[in-house]
């Protein structure tokens, strides 16, 4: 959920029961319902497939994998994968494996890596 002024924005998988229950709450603000491209379960499954690759790549290092429980996860249905090293190689390799379920970005490694 996200708030924007006097409205509530809810990203969810389409579910008429959920929508009806939300309508009955009488929140007193406008509620915008947006279809989420992937469910939390789908995002978590992607996350769980990326994490084991940490420390097991050549040319780049996966430094961070988001849980997908953020705005990027809800609005675009992707897990953000932060890499250090050859960004273009990481995008090619990880993109081939995970398609549009991830977004690869360059990040600095934590101190001591």
Protein backbone atom coordinates (compact mmCIF):
# COMPACT_ATOMS: atom_id res chain seq x y z
CA UNK A 1 0.00 0.00 0.00
CA UNK A 2 1.09 3.55 -0.60
CA UNK A 3 -0.48 6.80 0.44
CA UNK A 4 -0.59 9.85 -1.79
CA UNK A 5 -2.40 12.79 -0.26
CA UNK A 6 -6.04 11.98 0.38
CA UNK A 7 -5.99 8.65 -1.43
CA UNK A 8 -4.81 5.17 -0.73
CA UNK A 9 -3.06 3.24 -3.49
CA UNK A 10 -3.29 -0.54 -3.16
CA UNK A 11 -1.25 -2.86 -5.38
CA UNK A 12 -2.82 -6.30 -5.37
CA UNK A 13 -3.51 -9.34 -7.48
CA UNK A 14 -7.07 -9.10 -8.77
CA UNK A 15 -9.43 -10.67 -6.24
CA UNK A 16 -13.09 -9.66 -6.10
CA UNK A 17 -13.40 -10.81 -2.47
CA UNK A 18 -10.49 -8.60 -1.41
CA UNK A 19 -11.88 -5.65 -3.36
CA UNK A 20 -15.32 -6.09 -1.76
CA UNK A 21 -13.84 -6.37 1.74
CA UNK A 22 -11.76 -3.23 1.15
CA UNK A 23 -14.83 -1.32 -0.07
CA UNK A 24 -16.71 -2.26 3.13
CA UNK A 25 -14.04 -0.73 5.37
CA UNK A 26 -15.33 2.81 4.83
CA UNK A 27 -11.89 4.37 5.01
CA UNK A 28 -13.10 7.85 4.12
CA UNK A 29 -10.47 8.30 1.41
CA UNK A 30 -10.39 7.49 -2.27
CA UNK A 31 -8.90 4.03 -2.87
CA UNK A 32 -7.04 3.37 -6.13
CA UNK A 33 -6.69 -0.32 -6.90
CA UNK A 34 -3.77 -1.27 -9.14
CA UNK A 35 -3.12 -4.73 -10.45
CA UNK A 36 0.24 -6.02 -9.26
CA UNK A 37 2.12 -7.82 -12.03
CA UNK A 38 3.16 -10.61 -9.68
CA UNK A 39 2.03 -11.92 -6.33
CA UNK A 40 4.25 -11.82 -3.23
CA UNK A 41 4.62 -15.59 -3.61
CA UNK A 42 5.91 -15.21 -7.18
CA UNK A 43 8.31 -12.43 -6.17
CA UNK A 44 9.58 -14.48 -3.23
CA UNK A 45 10.17 -17.46 -5.52
CA UNK A 46 12.33 -15.29 -7.79
CA UNK A 47 14.23 -13.94 -4.78
CA UNK A 48 14.84 -17.46 -3.53
CA UNK A 49 16.26 -18.50 -6.93
CA UNK A 50 18.63 -15.50 -7.13
CA UNK A 51 20.11 -15.67 -3.60
CA UNK A 52 22.02 -18.96 -4.15
CA UNK A 53 23.91 -17.26 -7.00
CA UNK A 54 25.60 -14.90 -4.54
CA UNK A 55 29.30 -15.80 -4.56
CA UNK A 56 28.80 -18.07 -7.58
CA UNK A 57 29.26 -15.74 -10.56
CA UNK A 58 32.27 -14.79 -12.66
CA UNK A 59 32.93 -11.26 -13.89
CA UNK A 60 30.53 -9.70 -11.42
CA UNK A 61 29.42 -10.27 -7.87
CA UNK A 62 25.85 -10.20 -6.62
CA UNK A 63 26.01 -7.90 -3.61
CA UNK A 64 22.35 -7.43 -2.77
CA UNK A 65 19.02 -9.06 -3.60
CA UNK A 66 15.86 -7.20 -2.60
CA UNK A 67 13.00 -9.09 -1.02
CA UNK A 68 10.57 -7.62 -3.54
CA UNK A 69 8.56 -6.17 -0.66
CA UNK A 70 9.23 -2.62 -1.80
CA UNK A 71 7.70 -0.21 -4.30
CA UNK A 72 9.61 -1.76 -7.21
CA UNK A 73 8.37 -5.19 -6.25
CA UNK A 74 4.76 -4.15 -5.89
CA UNK A 75 4.50 -1.82 -8.89
CA UNK A 76 6.66 -3.68 -11.41
CA UNK A 77 6.77 -7.19 -9.96
CA UNK A 78 10.56 -7.38 -9.95
CA UNK A 79 13.34 -8.24 -7.55
CA UNK A 80 16.25 -5.80 -7.62
CA UNK A 81 19.65 -7.46 -7.93
CA UNK A 82 22.60 -5.24 -7.02
CA UNK A 83 25.88 -6.25 -8.61
CA UNK A 84 29.47 -5.07 -8.51
CA UNK A 85 31.75 -5.66 -11.49
CA UNK A 86 30.71 -6.13 -15.12
CA UNK A 87 27.18 -4.71 -15.12
CA UNK A 88 26.48 -5.53 -18.78
CA UNK A 89 27.53 -9.15 -18.33
CA UNK A 90 25.34 -9.42 -15.23
CA UNK A 91 22.38 -7.98 -17.11
CA UNK A 92 22.87 -10.43 -19.99
CA UNK A 93 23.36 -13.53 -17.85
CA UNK A 94 20.79 -12.81 -15.17
CA UNK A 95 18.33 -11.43 -17.73
CA UNK A 96 18.59 -14.67 -19.72
CA UNK A 97 17.84 -16.66 -16.57
CA UNK A 98 15.18 -14.48 -14.93
CA UNK A 99 13.78 -12.39 -17.79
CA UNK A 100 11.61 -9.49 -16.63
CA UNK A 101 11.34 -10.81 -13.05
CA UNK A 102 14.50 -8.94 -12.00
CA UNK A 103 16.14 -5.55 -12.40
CA UNK A 104 19.93 -5.57 -12.31
CA UNK A 105 21.64 -2.43 -11.00
CA UNK A 106 25.23 -1.45 -10.17
CA UNK A 107 26.02 -1.09 -6.47
CA UNK A 108 29.14 -0.67 -4.39
CA UNK A 109 30.08 -3.70 -2.31
CA UNK A 110 29.82 -3.39 1.47
CA UNK A 111 33.03 -2.42 3.25
CA UNK A 112 35.35 -5.35 3.72
CA UNK A 113 34.29 -7.33 0.62
